[in-house]
Amino acid sequence: FYNFFDNMKEILGIAVIIGITYKFSGLILFATFS
């Protein structure tokens, strides 16, 4: 509730990581969570 832009960055960042992982599924083993 303190910083709306942090929330936007977090949600968009996670969405991008999920999107890239969806396209390159091998990332779930080597990079997605970290």
All heavy atoms as atom14 arrays in JSON, in Angstrom:
{
  "sequence": "FYNFFDNMKEILGIAVIIGITYKFSGLILFATFS",
  "atom14_mask": [
    [1, 1, 1, 1, 1, 1, 1, 1, 1, 1, 1, 0, 0, 0],
    [1, 1, 1, 1, 1, 1, 1, 1, 1, 1, 1, 1, 0, 0],
    [1, 1, 1, 1, 1, 1, 1, 1, 0, 0, 0, 0, 0, 0],
    [1, 1, 1, 1, 1, 1, 1, 1, 1, 1, 1, 0, 0, 0],
    [1, 1, 1, 1, 1, 1, 1, 1, 1, 1, 1, 0, 0, 0],
    [1, 1, 1, 1, 1, 1, 1, 1, 0, 0, 0, 0, 0, 0],
    [1, 1, 1, 1, 1, 1, 1, 1, 0, 0, 0, 0, 0, 0],
    [1, 1, 1, 1, 1, 1, 1, 1, 0, 0, 0, 0, 0, 0],
    [1, 1, 1, 1, 1, 1, 1, 1, 1, 0, 0, 0, 0, 0],
    [1, 1, 1, 1, 1, 1, 1, 1, 1, 0, 0, 0, 0, 0],
    [1, 1, 1, 1, 1, 1, 1, 1, 0, 0, 0, 0, 0, 0],
    [1, 1, 1, 1, 1, 1, 1, 1, 0, 0, 0, 0, 0, 0],
    [1, 1, 1, 1, 0, 0, 0, 0, 0, 0, 0, 0, 0, 0],
    [1, 1, 1, 1, 1, 1, 1, 1, 0, 0, 0, 0, 0, 0],
    [1, 1, 1, 1, 1, 0, 0, 0, 0, 0, 0, 0, 0, 0],
    [1, 1, 1, 1, 1, 1, 1, 0, 0, 0, 0, 0, 0, 0],
    [1, 1, 1, 1, 1, 1, 1, 1, 0, 0, 0, 0, 0, 0],
    [1, 1, 1, 1, 1, 1, 1, 1, 0, 0, 0, 0, 0, 0],
    [1, 1, 1, 1, 0, 0, 0, 0, 0, 0, 0, 0, 0, 0],
    [1, 1, 1, 1, 1, 1, 1, 1, 0, 0, 0, 0, 0, 0],
    [1, 1, 1, 1, 1, 1, 1, 0, 0, 0, 0, 0, 0, 0],
    [1, 1, 1, 1, 1, 1, 1, 1, 1, 1, 1, 1, 0, 0],
    [1, 1, 1, 1, 1, 1, 1, 1, 1, 0, 0, 0, 0, 0],
    [1, 1, 1, 1, 1, 1, 1, 1, 1, 1, 1, 0, 0, 0],
    [1, 1, 1, 1, 1, 1, 0, 0, 0, 0, 0, 0, 0, 0],
    [1, 1, 1, 1, 0, 0, 0, 0, 0, 0, 0, 0, 0, 0],
    [1, 1, 1, 1, 1, 1, 1, 1, 0, 0, 0, 0, 0, 0],
    [1, 1, 1, 1, 1, 1, 1, 1, 0, 0, 0, 0, 0, 0],
    [1, 1, 1, 1, 1, 1, 1, 1, 0, 0, 0, 0, 0, 0],
    [1, 1, 1, 1, 1, 1, 1, 1, 1, 1, 1, 0, 0, 0],
    [1, 1, 1, 1, 1, 0, 0, 0, 0, 0, 0, 0, 0, 0],
    [1, 1, 1, 1, 1, 1, 1, 0, 0, 0, 0, 0, 0, 0],
    [1, 1, 1, 1, 1, 1, 1, 1, 1, 1, 1, 0, 0, 0],
    [1, 1, 1, 1, 1, 1, 0, 0, 0, 0, 0, 0, 0, 0]
  ],
  "atom14_positions": [
    [[0.81, -1.22, 0.0], [0.0, 0.0, 0.0], [0.85, 1.28, 0.0], [0.33, 2.37, -0.24], [-0.95, 0.0, 1.2], [-2.04, -1.02, 1.1], [-2.02, -2.17, 1.87], [-3.08, -0.85, 0.19], [-3.02, -3.12, 1.76], [-4.09, -1.8, 0.08], [-4.06, -2.94, 0.86], [0.0, 0.0, 0.0], [0.0, 0.0, 0.0], [0.0, 0.0, 0.0]],
    [[2.14, 1.12, 0.24], [3.03, 2.29, 0.32], [3.47, 2.76, -1.06], [3.57, 3.96, -1.3], [4.26, 1.92, 1.16], [5.32, 3.0, 1.24], [5.16, 4.1, 2.09], [6.49, 2.92, 0.48], [6.13, 5.08, 2.17], [7.47, 3.9, 0.54], [7.28, 4.98, 1.39], [8.25, 5.96, 1.46], [0.0, 0.0, 0.0], [0.0, 0.0, 0.0]],
    [[3.74, 1.83, -1.96], [4.32, 2.2, -3.25], [3.63, 1.47, -4.4], [3.91, 0.29, -4.66], [5.83, 1.91, -3.24], [6.55, 2.58, -4.39], [6.05, 2.64, -5.51], [7.75, 3.07, -4.13], [0.0, 0.0, 0.0], [0.0, 0.0, 0.0], [0.0, 0.0, 0.0], [0.0, 0.0, 0.0], [0.0, 0.0, 0.0], [0.0, 0.0, 0.0]],
    [[2.74, 2.16, -5.09], [1.99, 1.58, -6.19], [2.92, 1.14, -7.34], [2.71, 0.1, -7.96], [0.97, 2.59, -6.71], [0.26, 2.16, -7.96], [-0.77, 1.22, -7.9], [0.61, 2.67, -9.2], [-1.43, 0.81, -9.05], [-0.03, 2.26, -10.35], [-1.06, 1.34, -10.28], [0.0, 0.0, 0.0], [0.0, 0.0, 0.0], [0.0, 0.0, 0.0]],
    [[3.97, 1.94, -7.6], [4.87, 1.64, -8.72], [5.69, 0.38, -8.46], [6.0, -0.36, -9.39], [5.77, 2.84, -9.0], [5.02, 4.02, -9.55], [4.75, 5.13, -8.76], [4.55, 4.01, -10.85], [4.05, 6.21, -9.27], [3.83, 5.07, -11.38], [3.59, 6.19, -10.58], [0.0, 0.0, 0.0], [0.0, 0.0, 0.0], [0.0, 0.0, 0.0]],
    [[6.03, 0.13, -7.19], [6.71, -1.14, -6.86], [5.81, -2.32, -7.21], [6.28, -3.34, -7.72], [7.07, -1.18, -5.37], [8.4, -0.49, -5.08], [9.02, 0.02, -6.02], [8.8, -0.47, -3.91], [0.0, 0.0, 0.0], [0.0, 0.0, 0.0], [0.0, 0.0, 0.0], [0.0, 0.0, 0.0], [0.0, 0.0, 0.0], [0.0, 0.0, 0.0]],
    [[4.52, -2.17, -6.91], [3.58, -3.25, -7.21], [3.48, -3.49, -8.71], [3.46, -4.64, -9.17], [2.19, -2.93, -6.65], [2.21, -2.69, -5.16], [3.04, -3.24, -4.44], [1.29, -1.87, -4.67], [0.0, 0.0, 0.0], [0.0, 0.0, 0.0], [0.0, 0.0, 0.0], [0.0, 0.0, 0.0], [0.0, 0.0, 0.0], [0.0, 0.0, 0.0]],
    [[3.41, -2.4, -9.47], [3.34, -2.53, -10.93], [4.6, -3.19, -11.48], [4.52, -4.08, -12.33], [3.14, -1.15, -11.57], [1.79, -0.53, -11.31], [0.42, -1.56, -11.91], [0.76, -1.59, -13.66], [0.0, 0.0, 0.0], [0.0, 0.0, 0.0], [0.0, 0.0, 0.0], [0.0, 0.0, 0.0], [0.0, 0.0, 0.0], [0.0, 0.0, 0.0]],
    [[5.75, -2.78, -10.96], [7.02, -3.37, -11.41], [7.07, -4.85, -11.06], [7.52, -5.67, -11.87], [8.2, -2.63, -10.78], [8.47, -1.25, -11.35], [9.76, -0.66, -10.83], [9.67, -0.26, -9.38], [10.88, 0.43, -8.88], [0.0, 0.0, 0.0], [0.0, 0.0, 0.0], [0.0, 0.0, 0.0], [0.0, 0.0, 0.0], [0.0, 0.0, 0.0]],
    [[6.61, -5.19, -9.85], [6.64, -6.59, -9.41], [5.73, -7.45, -10.27], [6.14, -8.52, -10.76], [6.21, -6.67, -7.94], [6.2, -8.08, -7.37], [7.58, -8.68, -7.21], [8.58, -7.92, -7.2], [7.67, -9.91, -7.1], [0.0, 0.0, 0.0], [0.0, 0.0, 0.0], [0.0, 0.0, 0.0], [0.0, 0.0, 0.0], [0.0, 0.0, 0.0]],
    [[4.51, -7.0, -10.46], [3.53, -7.79, -11.23], [3.97, -7.92, -12.69], [3.91, -9.01, -13.27], [2.13, -7.15, -11.13], [1.59, -7.31, -9.7], [1.17, -7.8, -12.11], [0.38, -6.46, -9.38], [0.0, 0.0, 0.0], [0.0, 0.0, 0.0], [0.0, 0.0, 0.0], [0.0, 0.0, 0.0], [0.0, 0.0, 0.0], [0.0, 0.0, 0.0]],
    [[4.41, -6.81, -13.28], [4.86, -6.86, -14.68], [6.11, -7.72, -14.82], [6.24, -8.48, -15.8], [5.13, -5.44, -15.19], [3.9, -4.57, -15.44], [4.32, -3.14, -15.77], [3.05, -5.15, -16.57], [0.0, 0.0, 0.0], [0.0, 0.0, 0.0], [0.0, 0.0, 0.0], [0.0, 0.0, 0.0], [0.0, 0.0, 0.0], [0.0, 0.0, 0.0]],
    [[7.02, -7.62, -13.85], [8.23, -8.43, -13.89], [7.93, -9.91, -13.82], [8.48, -10.7, -14.6], [0.0, 0.0, 0.0], [0.0, 0.0, 0.0], [0.0, 0.0, 0.0], [0.0, 0.0, 0.0], [0.0, 0.0, 0.0], [0.0, 0.0, 0.0], [0.0, 0.0, 0.0], [0.0, 0.0, 0.0], [0.0, 0.0, 0.0], [0.0, 0.0, 0.0]],
    [[7.05, -10.29, -12.9], [6.66, -11.7, -12.78], [5.97, -12.17, -14.05], [6.2, -13.28, -14.53], [5.75, -11.91, -11.54], [6.56, -11.72, -10.26], [5.12, -13.31, -11.56], [5.72, -11.77, -8.99], [0.0, 0.0, 0.0], [0.0, 0.0, 0.0], [0.0, 0.0, 0.0], [0.0, 0.0, 0.0], [0.0, 0.0, 0.0], [0.0, 0.0, 0.0]],
    [[5.11, -11.3, -14.61], [4.4, -11.65, -15.86], [5.39, -11.89, -17.0], [5.24, -12.83, -17.78], [3.42, -10.54, -16.23], [0.0, 0.0, 0.0], [0.0, 0.0, 0.0], [0.0, 0.0, 0.0], [0.0, 0.0, 0.0], [0.0, 0.0, 0.0], [0.0, 0.0, 0.0], [0.0, 0.0, 0.0], [0.0, 0.0, 0.0], [0.0, 0.0, 0.0]],
    [[6.41, -11.04, -17.08], [7.43, -11.2, -18.13], [8.21, -12.5, -17.94], [8.45, -13.24, -18.9], [8.41, -9.99, -18.14], [9.62, -10.29, -19.01], [7.69, -8.74, -18.62], [0.0, 0.0, 0.0], [0.0, 0.0, 0.0], [0.0, 0.0, 0.0], [0.0, 0.0, 0.0], [0.0, 0.0, 0.0], [0.0, 0.0, 0.0], [0.0, 0.0, 0.0]],
    [[8.58, -12.79, -16.69], [9.32, -14.03, -16.4], [8.48, -15.26, -16.75], [8.97, -16.22, -17.36], [9.74, -14.08, -14.91], [10.8, -13.01, -14.64], [10.28, -15.46, -14.54], [11.1, -12.78, -13.17], [0.0, 0.0, 0.0], [0.0, 0.0, 0.0], [0.0, 0.0, 0.0], [0.0, 0.0, 0.0], [0.0, 0.0, 0.0], [0.0, 0.0, 0.0]],
    [[7.18, -15.21, -16.4], [6.28, -16.32, -16.74], [6.14, -16.45, -18.25], [6.14, -17.55, -18.81], [4.9, -16.13, -16.07], [5.02, -16.28, -14.56], [3.88, -17.13, -16.63], [3.76, -15.93, -13.8], [0.0, 0.0, 0.0], [0.0, 0.0, 0.0], [0.0, 0.0, 0.0], [0.0, 0.0, 0.0], [0.0, 0.0, 0.0], [0.0, 0.0, 0.0]],
    [[6.01, -15.3, -18.93], [5.87, -15.31, -20.39], [7.09, -15.89, -21.08], [6.97, -16.71, -22.0], [0.0, 0.0, 0.0], [0.0, 0.0, 0.0], [0.0, 0.0, 0.0], [0.0, 0.0, 0.0], [0.0, 0.0, 0.0], [0.0, 0.0, 0.0], [0.0, 0.0, 0.0], [0.0, 0.0, 0.0], [0.0, 0.0, 0.0], [0.0, 0.0, 0.0]],
    [[8.28, -15.49, -20.62], [9.52, -16.02, -21.2], [9.65, -17.52, -20.91], [10.06, -18.3, -21.77], [10.74, -15.26, -20.65], [10.7, -13.8, -21.12], [12.04, -15.92, -21.11], [11.75, -12.92, -20.48], [0.0, 0.0, 0.0], [0.0, 0.0, 0.0], [0.0, 0.0, 0.0], [0.0, 0.0, 0.0], [0.0, 0.0, 0.0], [0.0, 0.0, 0.0]],
    [[9.26, -17.9, -19.69], [9.31, -19.32, -19.32], [8.35, -20.14, -20.17], [8.66, -21.28, -20.56], [8.97, -19.5, -17.82], [9.89, -18.75, -17.03], [9.05, -20.97, -17.42], [0.0, 0.0, 0.0], [0.0, 0.0, 0.0], [0.0, 0.0, 0.0], [0.0, 0.0, 0.0], [0.0, 0.0, 0.0], [0.0, 0.0, 0.0], [0.0, 0.0, 0.0]],
    [[7.19, -19.57, -20.46], [6.2, -20.25, -21.31], [6.78, -20.49, -22.71], [6.56, -21.54, -23.31], [4.92, -19.41, -21.4], [3.85, -20.03, -22.27], [3.07, -21.08, -21.79], [3.62, -19.56, -23.56], [2.08, -21.65, -22.58], [2.64, -20.12, -24.36], [1.88, -21.17, -23.86], [0.9, -21.75, -24.66], [0.0, 0.0, 0.0], [0.0, 0.0, 0.0]],
    [[7.54, -19.51, -23.19], [8.12, -19.64, -24.54], [9.35, -20.55, -24.53], [9.57, -21.32, -25.46], [8.5, -18.24, -25.06], [8.9, -18.22, -26.52], [8.99, -16.82, -27.03], [9.37, -16.78, -28.52], [8.36, -17.4, -29.38], [0.0, 0.0, 0.0], [0.0, 0.0, 0.0], [0.0, 0.0, 0.0], [0.0, 0.0, 0.0], [0.0, 0.0, 0.0]],
    [[10.13, -20.46, -23.44], [11.33, -21.3, -23.32], [11.19, -22.12, -22.03], [11.69, -21.72, -20.98], [12.6, -20.43, -23.27], [12.74, -19.51, -24.44], [12.4, -18.17, -24.34], [13.2, -19.99, -25.66], [12.52, -17.32, -25.42], [13.34, -19.14, -26.75], [12.99, -17.8, -26.64], [0.0, 0.0, 0.0], [0.0, 0.0, 0.0], [0.0, 0.0, 0.0]],
    [[10.51, -23.23, -22.13], [10.11, -24.0, -20.95], [11.29, -24.54, -20.13], [11.16, -24.82, -18.94], [9.2, -25.17, -21.36], [9.83, -25.99, -22.34], [0.0, 0.0, 0.0], [0.0, 0.0, 0.0], [0.0, 0.0, 0.0], [0.0, 0.0, 0.0], [0.0, 0.0, 0.0], [0.0, 0.0, 0.0], [0.0, 0.0, 0.0], [0.0, 0.0, 0.0]],
    [[12.45, -24.65, -20.75], [13.63, -25.14, -20.03], [14.06, -24.21, -18.91], [14.75, -24.63, -17.97], [0.0, 0.0, 0.0], [0.0, 0.0, 0.0], [0.0, 0.0, 0.0], [0.0, 0.0, 0.0], [0.0, 0.0, 0.0], [0.0, 0.0, 0.0], [0.0, 0.0, 0.0], [0.0, 0.0, 0.0], [0.0, 0.0, 0.0], [0.0, 0.0, 0.0]],
    [[13.63, -22.96, -18.97], [14.0, -21.99, -17.94], [13.42, -22.34, -16.58], [13.95, -21.92, -15.56], [13.53, -20.58, -18.35], [14.31, -19.91, -19.48], [13.68, -18.57, -19.82], [15.76, -19.71, -19.09], [0.0, 0.0, 0.0], [0.0, 0.0, 0.0], [0.0, 0.0, 0.0], [0.0, 0.0, 0.0], [0.0, 0.0, 0.0], [0.0, 0.0, 0.0]],
    [[12.32, -23.1, -16.57], [11.72, -23.46, -15.28], [12.68, -24.3, -14.45], [12.67, -24.26, -13.22], [10.38, -24.21, -15.48], [9.57, -24.15, -14.18], [10.58, -25.65, -15.94], [8.13, -24.56, -14.34], [0.0, 0.0, 0.0], [0.0, 0.0, 0.0], [0.0, 0.0, 0.0], [0.0, 0.0, 0.0], [0.0, 0.0, 0.0], [0.0, 0.0, 0.0]],
    [[13.58, -25.02, -15.11], [14.58, -25.82, -14.41], [15.79, -24.97, -14.02], [16.35, -25.15, -12.94], [15.03, -26.99, -15.29], [16.13, -27.89, -14.72], [15.67, -28.57, -13.42], [16.55, -28.94, -15.73], [0.0, 0.0, 0.0], [0.0, 0.0, 0.0], [0.0, 0.0, 0.0], [0.0, 0.0, 0.0], [0.0, 0.0, 0.0], [0.0, 0.0, 0.0]],
    [[16.15, -24.01, -14.87], [17.43, -23.31, -14.68], [17.34, -21.86, -14.2], [18.36, -21.31, -13.77], [18.23, -23.35, -15.99], [18.63, -24.73, -16.41], [18.01, -25.34, -17.48], [19.62, -25.42, -15.72], [18.37, -26.62, -17.88], [19.99, -26.7, -16.1], [19.37, -27.31, -17.19], [0.0, 0.0, 0.0], [0.0, 0.0, 0.0], [0.0, 0.0, 0.0]],
    [[16.17, -21.23, -14.29], [16.19, -19.79, -13.97], [14.92, -19.19, -13.39], [14.99, -18.2, -12.66], [16.57, -19.0, -15.23], [0.0, 0.0, 0.0], [0.0, 0.0, 0.0], [0.0, 0.0, 0.0], [0.0, 0.0, 0.0], [0.0, 0.0, 0.0], [0.0, 0.0, 0.0], [0.0, 0.0, 0.0], [0.0, 0.0, 0.0], [0.0, 0.0, 0.0]],
    [[13.77, -19.73, -13.67], [12.5, -19.04, -13.38], [12.36, -18.59, -11.93], [12.08, -17.42, -11.64], [11.31, -19.94, -13.76], [11.39, -20.25, -15.15], [9.99, -19.22, -13.49], [0.0, 0.0, 0.0], [0.0, 0.0, 0.0], [0.0, 0.0, 0.0], [0.0, 0.0, 0.0], [0.0, 0.0, 0.0], [0.0, 0.0, 0.0], [0.0, 0.0, 0.0]],
    [[12.55, -19.5, -11.0], [12.3, -19.17, -9.58], [13.38, -18.26, -9.02], [13.08, -17.29, -8.3], [12.18, -20.46, -8.77], [11.02, -21.31, -9.18], [11.19, -22.39, -10.04], [9.74, -21.01, -8.75], [10.12, -23.15, -10.46], [8.65, -21.77, -9.15], [8.84, -22.84, -10.01], [0.0, 0.0, 0.0], [0.0, 0.0, 0.0], [0.0, 0.0, 0.0]],
    [[14.62, -18.54, -9.33], [15.71, -17.69, -8.82], [15.66, -16.3, -9.45], [15.94, -15.3, -8.78], [17.06, -18.34, -9.11], [17.22, -18.62, -10.48], [0.0, 0.0, 0.0], [0.0, 0.0, 0.0], [0.0, 0.0, 0.0], [0.0, 0.0, 0.0], [0.0, 0.0, 0.0], [0.0, 0.0, 0.0], [0.0, 0.0, 0.0], [0.0, 0.0, 0.0]]
  ]
}
